[in-house]
Amino acid sequence: MRKNLPNFGEATTTLYRGGQPSERGFRMLAKMGINIVVDLRGSRDSERKIVTHLGMQYVALPWH
């Protein structure tokens, strides 16, 4: 799990945080029932495509 979801952890019962997921990591998040992926680096079209294809919502909030 660490390789595909680095620094993944539960912040609250409904909020998780982590580093950059691999493509497999995004699939793992979808299987876990995650509904929204927030990207703090800004919008990334390749990630948006993966996330939305898996049925999750992609939100970009640049933090720099």
PDB file of N, CA and C in Angstrom:
ATOM      1  N   MET A   1       0.829  -1.194   0.000  1.00  0.00           N
ATOM      2  CA  MET A   1       0.000   0.000   0.000  1.00  0.00           C
ATOM      3  C   MET A   1       0.869   1.251   0.000  1.00  0.00           C
ATOM      4  N   ARG A   2       1.973   1.248   0.714  1.00  0.00           N
ATOM      5  CA  ARG A   2       2.814   2.442   0.825  1.00  0.00           C
ATOM      6  C   ARG A   2       3.323   2.936  -0.518  1.00  0.00           C
ATOM      7  N   LYS A   3       3.680   1.985  -1.392  1.00  0.00           N
ATOM      8  CA  LYS A   3       4.214   2.350  -2.702  1.00  0.00           C
ATOM      9  C   LYS A   3       3.147   3.036  -3.555  1.00  0.00           C
ATOM     10  N   ASN A   4       1.935   2.545  -3.506  1.00  0.00           N
ATOM     11  CA  ASN A   4       0.848   3.066  -4.331  1.00  0.00           C
ATOM     12  C   ASN A   4       0.102   4.231  -3.697  1.00  0.00           C
ATOM     13  N   LEU A   5       0.145   4.314  -2.363  1.00  0.00           N
ATOM     14  CA  LEU A   5      -0.512   5.396  -1.619  1.00  0.00           C
ATOM     15  C   LEU A   5       0.453   5.909  -0.545  1.00  0.00           C
ATOM     16  N   PRO A   6       1.491   6.646  -0.938  1.00  0.00           N
ATOM     17  CA  PRO A   6       2.481   7.097   0.042  1.00  0.00           C
ATOM     18  C   PRO A   6       1.882   8.039   1.091  1.00  0.00           C
ATOM     19  N   ASN A   7       2.317   7.877   2.314  1.00  0.00           N
ATOM     20  CA  ASN A   7       1.881   8.725   3.439  1.00  0.00           C
ATOM     21  C   ASN A   7       0.369   8.740   3.636  1.00  0.00           C
ATOM     22  N   PHE A   8      -0.318   7.695   3.198  1.00  0.00           N
ATOM     23  CA  PHE A   8      -1.770   7.627   3.333  1.00  0.00           C
ATOM     24  C   PHE A   8      -2.147   7.445   4.793  1.00  0.00           C
ATOM     25  N   GLY A   9      -3.138   8.215   5.229  1.00  0.00           N
ATOM     26  CA  GLY A   9      -3.601   8.078   6.598  1.00  0.00           C
ATOM     27  C   GLY A   9      -4.963   8.711   6.790  1.00  0.00           C
ATOM     28  N   GLU A  10      -5.603   8.347   7.873  1.00  0.00           N
ATOM     29  CA  GLU A  10      -6.927   8.865   8.209  1.00  0.00           C
ATOM     30  C   GLU A  10      -6.774  10.112   9.064  1.00  0.00           C
ATOM     31  N   ALA A  11      -7.299  11.242   8.574  1.00  0.00           N
ATOM     32  CA  ALA A  11      -7.295  12.476   9.358  1.00  0.00           C
ATOM     33  C   ALA A  11      -8.512  12.501  10.285  1.00  0.00           C
ATOM     34  N   THR A  12      -9.667  12.137   9.742  1.00  0.00           N
ATOM     35  CA  THR A  12     -10.900  11.959  10.519  1.00  0.00           C
ATOM     36  C   THR A  12     -11.601  10.737   9.927  1.00  0.00           C
ATOM     37  N   THR A  13     -12.754  10.389  10.454  1.00  0.00           N
ATOM     38  CA  THR A  13     -13.455   9.212   9.936  1.00  0.00           C
ATOM     39  C   THR A  13     -13.941   9.398   8.497  1.00  0.00           C
ATOM     40  N   THR A  14     -13.995  10.630   8.019  1.00  0.00           N
ATOM     41  CA  THR A  14     -14.451  10.885   6.650  1.00  0.00           C
ATOM     42  C   THR A  14     -13.430  11.632   5.800  1.00  0.00           C
ATOM     43  N   LEU A  15     -12.226  11.838   6.304  1.00  0.00           N
ATOM     44  CA  LEU A  15     -11.193  12.577   5.572  1.00  0.00           C
ATOM     45  C   LEU A  15      -9.865  11.836   5.657  1.00  0.00           C
ATOM     46  N   TYR A  16      -9.275  11.593   4.492  1.00  0.00           N
ATOM     47  CA  TYR A  16      -7.979  10.923   4.419  1.00  0.00           C
ATOM     48  C   TYR A  16      -6.993  11.857   3.750  1.00  0.00           C
ATOM     49  N   ARG A  17      -5.712  11.630   3.982  1.00  0.00           N
ATOM     50  CA  ARG A  17      -4.685  12.457   3.367  1.00  0.00           C
ATOM     51  C   ARG A  17      -3.533  11.556   2.947  1.00  0.00           C
ATOM     52  N   GLY A  18      -2.740  12.072   2.026  1.00  0.00           N
ATOM     53  CA  GLY A  18      -1.601  11.287   1.571  1.00  0.00           C
ATOM     54  C   GLY A  18      -0.827  12.000   0.491  1.00  0.00           C
ATOM     55  N   GLY A  19       0.257  11.360   0.079  1.00  0.00           N
ATOM     56  CA  GLY A  19       1.073  11.873  -1.006  1.00  0.00           C
ATOM     57  C   GLY A  19       0.477  11.479  -2.350  1.00  0.00           C
ATOM     58  N   GLN A  20       1.298  11.612  -3.379  1.00  0.00           N
ATOM     59  CA  GLN A  20       0.858  11.340  -4.746  1.00  0.00           C
ATOM     60  C   GLN A  20       0.579   9.855  -4.976  1.00  0.00           C
ATOM     61  N   PRO A  21      -0.673   9.488  -5.233  1.00  0.00           N
ATOM     62  CA  PRO A  21      -0.984   8.086  -5.516  1.00  0.00           C
ATOM     63  C   PRO A  21      -0.488   7.679  -6.906  1.00  0.00           C
ATOM     64  N   SER A  22      -0.160   6.417  -7.052  1.00  0.00           N
ATOM     65  CA  SER A  22       0.108   5.860  -8.376  1.00  0.00           C
ATOM     66  C   SER A  22      -1.244   5.598  -9.036  1.00  0.00           C
ATOM     67  N   GLU A  23      -1.230   5.176 -10.297  1.00  0.00           N
ATOM     68  CA  GLU A  23      -2.501   4.849 -10.951  1.00  0.00           C
ATOM     69  C   GLU A  23      -3.198   3.715 -10.198  1.00  0.00           C
ATOM     70  N   ARG A  24      -2.423   2.739  -9.763  1.00  0.00           N
ATOM     71  CA  ARG A  24      -2.999   1.650  -8.962  1.00  0.00           C
ATOM     72  C   ARG A  24      -3.545   2.201  -7.641  1.00  0.00           C
ATOM     73  N   GLY A  25      -2.858   3.186  -7.063  1.00  0.00           N
ATOM     74  CA  GLY A  25      -3.318   3.810  -5.831  1.00  0.00           C
ATOM     75  C   GLY A  25      -4.682   4.459  -5.997  1.00  0.00           C
ATOM     76  N   PHE A  26      -4.901   5.117  -7.136  1.00  0.00           N
ATOM     77  CA  PHE A  26      -6.218   5.704  -7.397  1.00  0.00           C
ATOM     78  C   PHE A  26      -7.286   4.614  -7.467  1.00  0.00           C
ATOM     79  N   ARG A  27      -6.953   3.482  -8.073  1.00  0.00           N
ATOM     80  CA  ARG A  27      -7.913   2.365  -8.115  1.00  0.00           C
ATOM     81  C   ARG A  27      -8.210   1.866  -6.703  1.00  0.00           C
ATOM     82  N   MET A  28      -7.180   1.823  -5.859  1.00  0.00           N
ATOM     83  CA  MET A  28      -7.366   1.392  -4.471  1.00  0.00           C
ATOM     84  C   MET A  28      -8.287   2.362  -3.732  1.00  0.00           C
ATOM     85  N   LEU A  29      -8.099   3.662  -3.950  1.00  0.00           N
ATOM     86  CA  LEU A  29      -8.950   4.668  -3.304  1.00  0.00           C
ATOM     87  C   LEU A  29     -10.407   4.487  -3.723  1.00  0.00           C
ATOM     88  N   ALA A  30     -10.626   4.252  -5.007  1.00  0.00           N
ATOM     89  CA  ALA A  30     -11.993   4.050  -5.498  1.00  0.00           C
ATOM     90  C   ALA A  30     -12.620   2.821  -4.840  1.00  0.00           C
ATOM     91  N   LYS A  31     -11.853   1.748  -4.712  1.00  0.00           N
ATOM     92  CA  LYS A  31     -12.365   0.526  -4.070  1.00  0.00           C
ATOM     93  C   LYS A  31     -12.696   0.762  -2.603  1.00  0.00           C
ATOM     94  N   MET A  32     -11.979   1.687  -1.964  1.00  0.00           N
ATOM     95  CA  MET A  32     -12.221   2.007  -0.555  1.00  0.00           C
ATOM     96  C   MET A  32     -13.466   2.870  -0.377  1.00  0.00           C
ATOM     97  N   GLY A  33     -14.033   3.355  -1.478  1.00  0.00           N
ATOM     98  CA  GLY A  33     -15.225   4.188  -1.384  1.00  0.00           C
ATOM     99  C   GLY A  33     -14.938   5.677  -1.330  1.00  0.00           C
ATOM    100  N   ILE A  34     -13.706   6.061  -1.622  1.00  0.00           N
ATOM    101  CA  ILE A  34     -13.366   7.490  -1.657  1.00  0.00           C
ATOM    102  C   ILE A  34     -14.156   8.128  -2.795  1.00  0.00           C
ATOM    103  N   ASN A  35     -14.763   9.288  -2.540  1.00  0.00           N
ATOM    104  CA  ASN A  35     -15.606   9.955  -3.535  1.00  0.00           C
ATOM    105  C   ASN A  35     -14.944  11.146  -4.206  1.00  0.00           C
ATOM    106  N   ILE A  36     -14.075  11.837  -3.480  1.00  0.00           N
ATOM    107  CA  ILE A  36     -13.474  13.071  -3.992  1.00  0.00           C
ATOM    108  C   ILE A  36     -11.969  13.018  -3.782  1.00  0.00           C
ATOM    109  N   VAL A  37     -11.227  13.381  -4.827  1.00  0.00           N
ATOM    110  CA  VAL A  37      -9.774  13.506  -4.743  1.00  0.00           C
ATOM    111  C   VAL A  37      -9.447  14.989  -4.879  1.00  0.00           C
ATOM    112  N   VAL A  38      -8.744  15.547  -3.894  1.00  0.00           N
ATOM    113  CA  VAL A  38      -8.348  16.953  -3.918  1.00  0.00           C
ATOM    114  C   VAL A  38      -6.858  17.020  -4.223  1.00  0.00           C
ATOM    115  N   ASP A  39      -6.515  17.730  -5.279  1.00  0.00           N
ATOM    116  CA  ASP A  39      -5.124  17.896  -5.707  1.00  0.00           C
ATOM    117  C   ASP A  39      -4.678  19.298  -5.316  1.00  0.00           C
ATOM    118  N   LEU A  40      -3.723  19.391  -4.405  1.00  0.00           N
ATOM    119  CA  LEU A  40      -3.251  20.695  -3.925  1.00  0.00           C
ATOM    120  C   LEU A  40      -2.141  21.276  -4.794  1.00  0.00           C
ATOM    121  N   ARG A  41      -1.736  20.568  -5.844  1.00  0.00           N
ATOM    122  CA  ARG A  41      -0.678  21.054  -6.729  1.00  0.00           C
ATOM    123  C   ARG A  41      -1.232  21.823  -7.910  1.00  0.00           C
ATOM    124  N   GLY A  42      -2.517  21.787  -8.109  1.00  0.00           N
ATOM    125  CA  GLY A  42      -3.126  22.404  -9.279  1.00  0.00           C
ATOM    126  C   GLY A  42      -3.692  21.331 -10.184  1.00  0.00           C
ATOM    127  N   SER A  43      -4.354  21.742 -11.237  1.00  0.00           N
ATOM    128  CA  SER A  43      -5.037  20.801 -12.117  1.00  0.00           C
ATOM    129  C   SER A  43      -4.057  19.999 -12.965  1.00  0.00           C
ATOM    130  N   ARG A  44      -4.259  18.702 -12.999  1.00  0.00           N
ATOM    131  CA  ARG A  44      -3.455  17.778 -13.809  1.00  0.00           C
ATOM    132  C   ARG A  44      -4.428  16.945 -14.641  1.00  0.00           C
ATOM    133  N   ASP A  45      -4.439  17.200 -15.937  1.00  0.00           N
ATOM    134  CA  ASP A  45      -5.408  16.523 -16.805  1.00  0.00           C
ATOM    135  C   ASP A  45      -5.303  15.006 -16.754  1.00  0.00           C
ATOM    136  N   SER A  46      -4.083  14.473 -16.696  1.00  0.00           N
ATOM    137  CA  SER A  46      -3.934  13.014 -16.678  1.00  0.00           C
ATOM    138  C   SER A  46      -4.566  12.417 -15.419  1.00  0.00           C
ATOM    139  N   GLU A  47      -4.380  13.084 -14.291  1.00  0.00           N
ATOM    140  CA  GLU A  47      -4.988  12.595 -13.047  1.00  0.00           C
ATOM    141  C   GLU A  47      -6.497  12.758 -13.072  1.00  0.00           C
ATOM    142  N   ARG A  48      -6.949  13.875 -13.593  1.00  0.00           N
ATOM    143  CA  ARG A  48      -8.396  14.112 -13.684  1.00  0.00           C
ATOM    144  C   ARG A  48      -9.054  12.981 -14.476  1.00  0.00           C
ATOM    145  N   LYS A  49      -8.438  12.579 -15.581  1.00  0.00           N
ATOM    146  CA  LYS A  49      -8.996  11.508 -16.413  1.00  0.00           C
ATOM    147  C   LYS A  49      -9.062  10.189 -15.651  1.00  0.00           C
ATOM    148  N   ILE A  50      -7.998   9.851 -14.947  1.00  0.00           N
ATOM    149  CA  ILE A  50      -7.968   8.598 -14.180  1.00  0.00           C
ATOM    150  C   ILE A  50      -9.037   8.615 -13.097  1.00  0.00           C
ATOM    151  N   VAL A  51      -9.052   9.697 -12.324  1.00  0.00           N
ATOM    152  CA  VAL A  51      -9.965   9.815 -11.182  1.00  0.00           C
ATOM    153  C   VAL A  51     -11.425   9.779 -11.636  1.00  0.00           C
ATOM    154  N   THR A  52     -11.756  10.563 -12.656  1.00  0.00           N
ATOM    155  CA  THR A  52     -13.151  10.596 -13.104  1.00  0.00           C
ATOM    156  C   THR A  52     -13.555   9.275 -13.765  1.00  0.00           C
ATOM    157  N   HIS A  53     -12.630   8.641 -14.464  1.00  0.00           N
ATOM    158  CA  HIS A  53     -12.912   7.328 -15.061  1.00  0.00           C
ATOM    159  C   HIS A  53     -13.267   6.302 -13.981  1.00  0.00           C
ATOM    160  N   LEU A  54     -12.676   6.452 -12.805  1.00  0.00           N
ATOM    161  CA  LEU A  54     -12.930   5.539 -11.692  1.00  0.00           C
ATOM    162  C   LEU A  54     -14.178   5.921 -10.894  1.00  0.00           C
ATOM    163  N   GLY A  55     -14.871   6.984 -11.324  1.00  0.00           N
ATOM    164  CA  GLY A  55     -16.122   7.370 -10.679  1.00  0.00           C
ATOM    165  C   GLY A  55     -15.975   8.327  -9.514  1.00  0.00           C
ATOM    166  N   MET A  56     -14.777   8.890  -9.343  1.00  0.00           N
ATOM    167  CA  MET A  56     -14.559   9.857  -8.269  1.00  0.00           C
ATOM    168  C   MET A  56     -14.555  11.267  -8.851  1.00  0.00           C
ATOM    169  N   GLN A  57     -14.756  12.243  -7.999  1.00  0.00           N
ATOM    170  CA  GLN A  57     -14.700  13.644  -8.405  1.00  0.00           C
ATOM    171  C   GLN A  57     -13.285  14.157  -8.183  1.00  0.00           C
ATOM    172  N   TYR A  58     -12.772  14.956  -9.128  1.00  0.00           N
ATOM    173  CA  TYR A  58     -11.428  15.527  -9.033  1.00  0.00           C
ATOM    174  C   TYR A  58     -11.552  17.021  -8.790  1.00  0.00           C
ATOM    175  N   VAL A  59     -10.914  17.520  -7.725  1.00  0.00           N
ATOM    176  CA  VAL A  59     -10.935  18.940  -7.391  1.00  0.00           C
ATOM    177  C   VAL A  59      -9.498  19.423  -7.272  1.00  0.00           C
ATOM    178  N   ALA A  60      -9.159  20.474  -8.015  1.00  0.00           N
ATOM    179  CA  ALA A  60      -7.810  21.041  -7.958  1.00  0.00           C
ATOM    180  C   ALA A  60      -7.840  22.335  -7.155  1.00  0.00           C
ATOM    181  N   LEU A  61      -7.030  22.396  -6.100  1.00  0.00           N
ATOM    182  CA  LEU A  61      -6.899  23.587  -5.258  1.00  0.00           C
ATOM    183  C   LEU A  61      -5.407  23.897  -5.118  1.00  0.00           C
ATOM    184  N   PRO A  62      -4.832  24.684  -6.041  1.00  0.00           N
ATOM    185  CA  PRO A  62      -3.393  24.969  -5.971  1.00  0.00           C
ATOM    186  C   PRO A  62      -3.005  25.574  -4.625  1.00  0.00           C
ATOM    187  N   TRP A  63      -1.950  25.059  -4.038  1.00  0.00           N
ATOM    188  CA  TRP A  63      -1.510  25.467  -2.706  1.00  0.00           C
ATOM    189  C   TRP A  63      -0.096  26.034  -2.759  1.00  0.00           C
ATOM    190  N   HIS A  64       0.227  26.777  -3.790  1.00  0.00           N
ATOM    191  CA  HIS A  64       1.579  27.345  -3.907  1.00  0.00           C
ATOM    192  C   HIS A  64       1.545  28.708  -4.495  1.00  0.00           C
TER     193      HIS A  64
END
